[in-house]
N, C-alpha and C. Protein backbone atom coordinates (compact mmCIF):
# COMPACT_ATOMS: atom_id res chain seq x y z
N UNK A 1 28.13 -94.02 15.44
CA UNK A 1 29.35 -93.44 14.89
C UNK A 1 30.01 -92.59 15.98
N UNK A 2 31.30 -92.73 16.16
CA UNK A 2 31.99 -91.98 17.21
C UNK A 2 32.23 -90.54 16.78
N UNK A 3 32.51 -89.68 17.76
CA UNK A 3 32.78 -88.27 17.44
C UNK A 3 34.06 -88.12 16.64
N UNK A 4 35.02 -89.05 16.82
CA UNK A 4 36.26 -88.99 16.04
C UNK A 4 35.97 -89.23 14.57
N UNK A 5 35.09 -90.17 14.27
CA UNK A 5 34.74 -90.46 12.88
C UNK A 5 34.03 -89.26 12.26
N UNK A 6 33.12 -88.66 12.99
CA UNK A 6 32.40 -87.50 12.49
C UNK A 6 33.38 -86.36 12.21
N UNK A 7 34.31 -86.13 13.12
CA UNK A 7 35.27 -85.05 12.94
C UNK A 7 36.10 -85.26 11.68
N UNK A 8 36.49 -86.49 11.38
CA UNK A 8 37.30 -86.77 10.21
C UNK A 8 36.50 -86.62 8.92
N UNK A 9 35.17 -86.76 8.99
CA UNK A 9 34.34 -86.61 7.81
C UNK A 9 34.16 -85.15 7.41
N UNK A 10 34.47 -84.24 8.31
CA UNK A 10 34.31 -82.81 8.02
C UNK A 10 35.48 -82.33 7.15
N UNK A 11 35.22 -81.42 6.23
CA UNK A 11 36.33 -80.81 5.49
C UNK A 11 37.25 -80.06 6.47
N UNK A 12 38.55 -80.19 6.25
CA UNK A 12 39.53 -79.57 7.14
C UNK A 12 40.11 -78.31 6.52
N UNK A 13 40.09 -77.24 7.28
CA UNK A 13 40.69 -75.97 6.86
C UNK A 13 41.83 -75.65 7.81
N UNK A 14 43.02 -75.42 7.25
CA UNK A 14 44.18 -74.99 8.02
C UNK A 14 44.30 -73.48 7.84
N UNK A 15 44.30 -72.76 8.95
CA UNK A 15 44.40 -71.30 8.93
C UNK A 15 45.78 -70.93 9.45
N UNK A 16 46.54 -70.20 8.63
CA UNK A 16 47.90 -69.81 9.01
C UNK A 16 47.96 -68.29 9.08
N UNK A 17 48.20 -67.78 10.28
CA UNK A 17 48.25 -66.34 10.50
C UNK A 17 49.03 -66.07 11.78
N UNK A 18 49.85 -65.05 11.75
CA UNK A 18 50.66 -64.71 12.93
C UNK A 18 49.98 -63.69 13.84
N UNK A 19 48.79 -63.23 13.48
CA UNK A 19 48.08 -62.23 14.27
C UNK A 19 46.87 -62.87 14.95
N UNK A 20 46.90 -62.99 16.29
CA UNK A 20 45.80 -63.64 17.01
C UNK A 20 44.42 -63.04 16.71
N UNK A 21 44.35 -61.73 16.56
CA UNK A 21 43.05 -61.09 16.28
C UNK A 21 42.50 -61.58 14.94
N UNK A 22 43.35 -61.72 13.93
CA UNK A 22 42.91 -62.23 12.63
C UNK A 22 42.43 -63.67 12.75
N UNK A 23 43.18 -64.47 13.49
CA UNK A 23 42.77 -65.86 13.69
C UNK A 23 41.39 -65.93 14.32
N UNK A 24 41.16 -65.06 15.31
CA UNK A 24 39.87 -65.04 15.99
C UNK A 24 38.72 -64.71 15.04
N UNK A 25 38.92 -63.74 14.17
CA UNK A 25 37.87 -63.35 13.22
C UNK A 25 37.56 -64.50 12.27
N UNK A 26 38.59 -65.12 11.73
CA UNK A 26 38.38 -66.22 10.78
C UNK A 26 37.74 -67.41 11.48
N UNK A 27 38.24 -67.74 12.67
CA UNK A 27 37.68 -68.88 13.42
C UNK A 27 36.21 -68.62 13.75
N UNK A 28 35.90 -67.40 14.20
CA UNK A 28 34.51 -67.07 14.55
C UNK A 28 33.57 -67.22 13.35
N UNK A 29 34.05 -66.86 12.17
CA UNK A 29 33.17 -66.92 11.00
C UNK A 29 33.03 -68.33 10.44
N UNK A 30 33.95 -69.24 10.76
CA UNK A 30 33.89 -70.58 10.18
C UNK A 30 33.54 -71.70 11.14
N UNK A 31 33.70 -71.48 12.44
CA UNK A 31 33.62 -72.60 13.38
C UNK A 31 32.27 -73.29 13.45
N UNK A 32 31.19 -72.61 13.17
CA UNK A 32 29.86 -73.23 13.24
C UNK A 32 29.32 -73.63 11.87
N UNK A 33 30.19 -73.78 10.90
CA UNK A 33 29.75 -74.08 9.54
C UNK A 33 30.11 -75.51 9.10
N UNK A 34 30.48 -76.35 10.05
CA UNK A 34 30.72 -77.74 9.73
C UNK A 34 32.13 -78.08 9.27
N UNK A 35 33.09 -77.21 9.54
CA UNK A 35 34.47 -77.48 9.16
C UNK A 35 35.28 -77.91 10.38
N UNK A 36 36.31 -78.67 10.13
CA UNK A 36 37.31 -78.96 11.15
C UNK A 36 38.39 -77.90 10.95
N UNK A 37 38.61 -77.07 11.95
CA UNK A 37 39.55 -75.96 11.83
C UNK A 37 40.82 -76.24 12.60
N UNK A 38 41.94 -75.98 11.96
CA UNK A 38 43.25 -76.08 12.59
C UNK A 38 43.98 -74.77 12.38
N UNK A 39 44.82 -74.39 13.34
CA UNK A 39 45.56 -73.14 13.18
C UNK A 39 47.06 -73.37 13.30
N UNK A 40 47.78 -72.47 12.66
CA UNK A 40 49.23 -72.38 12.79
C UNK A 40 49.55 -70.89 12.85
N UNK A 41 50.54 -70.54 13.64
CA UNK A 41 50.83 -69.12 13.84
C UNK A 41 52.03 -68.62 13.05
N UNK A 42 52.59 -69.45 12.19
CA UNK A 42 53.62 -68.98 11.25
C UNK A 42 53.71 -69.98 10.10
N UNK A 43 54.43 -69.58 9.08
CA UNK A 43 54.51 -70.40 7.88
C UNK A 43 55.15 -71.76 8.10
N UNK A 44 56.23 -71.81 8.86
CA UNK A 44 56.91 -73.09 9.10
C UNK A 44 56.00 -74.07 9.85
N UNK A 45 55.31 -73.58 10.86
CA UNK A 45 54.37 -74.42 11.61
C UNK A 45 53.24 -74.87 10.69
N UNK A 46 52.78 -73.97 9.83
CA UNK A 46 51.72 -74.31 8.89
C UNK A 46 52.11 -75.42 7.94
N UNK A 47 53.34 -75.38 7.43
CA UNK A 47 53.81 -76.43 6.53
C UNK A 47 53.89 -77.77 7.25
N UNK A 48 54.33 -77.75 8.50
CA UNK A 48 54.39 -79.00 9.28
C UNK A 48 52.99 -79.57 9.50
N UNK A 49 52.06 -78.71 9.85
CA UNK A 49 50.68 -79.18 10.07
C UNK A 49 50.06 -79.69 8.77
N UNK A 50 50.33 -79.00 7.68
CA UNK A 50 49.79 -79.43 6.38
C UNK A 50 50.32 -80.81 6.00
N UNK A 51 51.58 -81.07 6.29
CA UNK A 51 52.17 -82.37 5.98
C UNK A 51 51.52 -83.48 6.80
N UNK A 52 51.17 -83.17 8.03
CA UNK A 52 50.59 -84.16 8.92
C UNK A 52 49.10 -84.38 8.67
N UNK A 53 48.37 -83.29 8.44
CA UNK A 53 46.90 -83.35 8.38
C UNK A 53 46.37 -83.44 6.95
N UNK A 54 47.07 -82.86 6.00
CA UNK A 54 46.60 -82.78 4.61
C UNK A 54 45.21 -82.15 4.52
N UNK A 55 45.13 -80.85 4.83
CA UNK A 55 43.83 -80.17 4.84
C UNK A 55 43.23 -80.04 3.44
N UNK A 56 41.93 -79.80 3.42
CA UNK A 56 41.23 -79.58 2.15
C UNK A 56 41.47 -78.17 1.62
N UNK A 57 41.71 -77.24 2.52
CA UNK A 57 41.92 -75.84 2.16
C UNK A 57 42.88 -75.23 3.16
N UNK A 58 43.77 -74.37 2.67
CA UNK A 58 44.67 -73.61 3.54
C UNK A 58 44.36 -72.14 3.34
N UNK A 59 44.01 -71.44 4.43
CA UNK A 59 43.83 -69.99 4.41
C UNK A 59 45.10 -69.37 4.96
N UNK A 60 45.67 -68.44 4.22
CA UNK A 60 46.97 -67.87 4.56
C UNK A 60 46.93 -66.35 4.66
N UNK A 61 47.58 -65.85 5.68
CA UNK A 61 47.84 -64.41 5.76
C UNK A 61 48.96 -64.11 4.77
N UNK A 62 48.82 -63.06 4.00
CA UNK A 62 49.85 -62.68 3.05
C UNK A 62 51.10 -62.18 3.78
N UNK A 63 50.91 -61.35 4.77
CA UNK A 63 52.01 -60.68 5.45
C UNK A 63 52.38 -61.40 6.76
N UNK A 64 53.37 -62.29 6.67
CA UNK A 64 53.91 -62.95 7.86
C UNK A 64 55.43 -62.85 7.80
N UNK A 65 56.07 -62.80 8.96
CA UNK A 65 57.54 -62.76 8.96
C UNK A 65 58.12 -64.09 8.51
N UNK A 66 59.33 -64.05 8.02
CA UNK A 66 60.09 -65.22 7.56
C UNK A 66 59.46 -65.86 6.34
N UNK A 67 58.42 -66.67 6.49
CA UNK A 67 57.74 -67.26 5.33
C UNK A 67 56.39 -66.57 5.17
N UNK A 68 56.26 -65.75 4.13
CA UNK A 68 54.96 -65.10 3.91
C UNK A 68 53.99 -66.11 3.29
N UNK A 69 52.75 -65.71 3.15
CA UNK A 69 51.73 -66.61 2.64
C UNK A 69 52.02 -67.14 1.26
N UNK A 70 52.59 -66.31 0.39
CA UNK A 70 52.90 -66.76 -0.97
C UNK A 70 53.97 -67.85 -0.96
N UNK A 71 54.99 -67.67 -0.13
CA UNK A 71 56.06 -68.67 -0.04
C UNK A 71 55.55 -69.98 0.55
N UNK A 72 54.71 -69.89 1.56
CA UNK A 72 54.12 -71.10 2.15
C UNK A 72 53.33 -71.86 1.09
N UNK A 73 52.55 -71.15 0.31
CA UNK A 73 51.75 -71.78 -0.74
C UNK A 73 52.65 -72.43 -1.79
N UNK A 74 53.70 -71.72 -2.22
CA UNK A 74 54.63 -72.29 -3.20
C UNK A 74 55.25 -73.58 -2.68
N UNK A 75 55.69 -73.56 -1.43
CA UNK A 75 56.34 -74.75 -0.85
C UNK A 75 55.35 -75.91 -0.69
N UNK A 76 54.14 -75.61 -0.27
CA UNK A 76 53.14 -76.67 -0.10
C UNK A 76 52.82 -77.30 -1.46
N UNK A 77 52.64 -76.48 -2.47
CA UNK A 77 52.32 -77.00 -3.80
C UNK A 77 53.48 -77.81 -4.37
N UNK A 78 54.71 -77.36 -4.14
CA UNK A 78 55.88 -78.09 -4.63
C UNK A 78 56.04 -79.42 -3.91
N UNK A 79 55.78 -79.44 -2.63
CA UNK A 79 55.94 -80.65 -1.81
C UNK A 79 54.86 -81.67 -2.11
N UNK A 80 53.67 -81.21 -2.41
CA UNK A 80 52.53 -82.11 -2.60
C UNK A 80 51.95 -81.93 -3.99
N UNK A 81 52.77 -82.12 -4.99
CA UNK A 81 52.33 -81.91 -6.38
C UNK A 81 51.14 -82.78 -6.76
N UNK A 82 51.02 -83.94 -6.15
CA UNK A 82 49.93 -84.84 -6.50
C UNK A 82 48.64 -84.50 -5.76
N UNK A 83 48.67 -83.49 -4.91
CA UNK A 83 47.48 -83.16 -4.12
C UNK A 83 46.67 -82.07 -4.81
N UNK A 84 45.56 -81.73 -4.22
CA UNK A 84 44.67 -80.72 -4.77
C UNK A 84 44.68 -79.47 -3.90
N UNK A 85 45.82 -79.15 -3.30
CA UNK A 85 45.88 -78.01 -2.40
C UNK A 85 45.44 -76.73 -3.08
N UNK A 86 44.63 -75.99 -2.37
CA UNK A 86 44.24 -74.65 -2.77
C UNK A 86 44.63 -73.74 -1.63
N UNK A 87 45.27 -72.66 -1.95
CA UNK A 87 45.61 -71.67 -0.93
C UNK A 87 44.80 -70.42 -1.16
N UNK A 88 44.11 -69.96 -0.17
CA UNK A 88 43.41 -68.68 -0.24
C UNK A 88 44.18 -67.71 0.64
N UNK A 89 44.50 -66.57 0.07
CA UNK A 89 45.25 -65.55 0.80
C UNK A 89 44.31 -64.47 1.26
N UNK A 90 44.65 -63.87 2.38
CA UNK A 90 43.88 -62.72 2.81
C UNK A 90 44.79 -61.72 3.50
N UNK A 91 44.38 -60.49 3.41
CA UNK A 91 45.01 -59.40 4.16
C UNK A 91 43.90 -58.41 4.49
N UNK A 92 44.24 -57.28 5.01
CA UNK A 92 43.21 -56.34 5.43
C UNK A 92 42.42 -55.76 4.26
N UNK A 93 42.96 -55.85 3.06
CA UNK A 93 42.29 -55.23 1.92
C UNK A 93 41.45 -56.23 1.11
N UNK A 94 41.47 -57.51 1.44
CA UNK A 94 40.67 -58.48 0.69
C UNK A 94 41.44 -59.76 0.49
N UNK A 95 41.01 -60.57 -0.45
CA UNK A 95 41.62 -61.88 -0.66
C UNK A 95 42.08 -62.06 -2.08
N UNK A 96 42.94 -63.06 -2.27
CA UNK A 96 43.44 -63.40 -3.58
C UNK A 96 43.67 -64.90 -3.58
N UNK A 97 43.23 -65.58 -4.58
CA UNK A 97 43.40 -67.04 -4.67
C UNK A 97 44.62 -67.37 -5.50
N UNK A 98 45.37 -68.38 -5.04
CA UNK A 98 46.55 -68.83 -5.79
C UNK A 98 46.34 -70.25 -6.27
């Protein structure tokens, strides 16, 4: 089996956050747990990546300029009504699932 096939068999998590330090913390905690991790540094980029990759889970920063995490989640769910998208939000005080 090729490494490309193995990579596609892993659950994909898209992490959307505009703060590099936050991305680093999330990546560090998930990278060795068998997930395929993708990042986007703003909401618009995240929506484009989600359309292309169709991740199993999207982790979103609540506080981002222009498109905040809640708006990104609303748009993703509206665009892909037939999908099973789950958005998990996080900020410095904890998380909230939408």
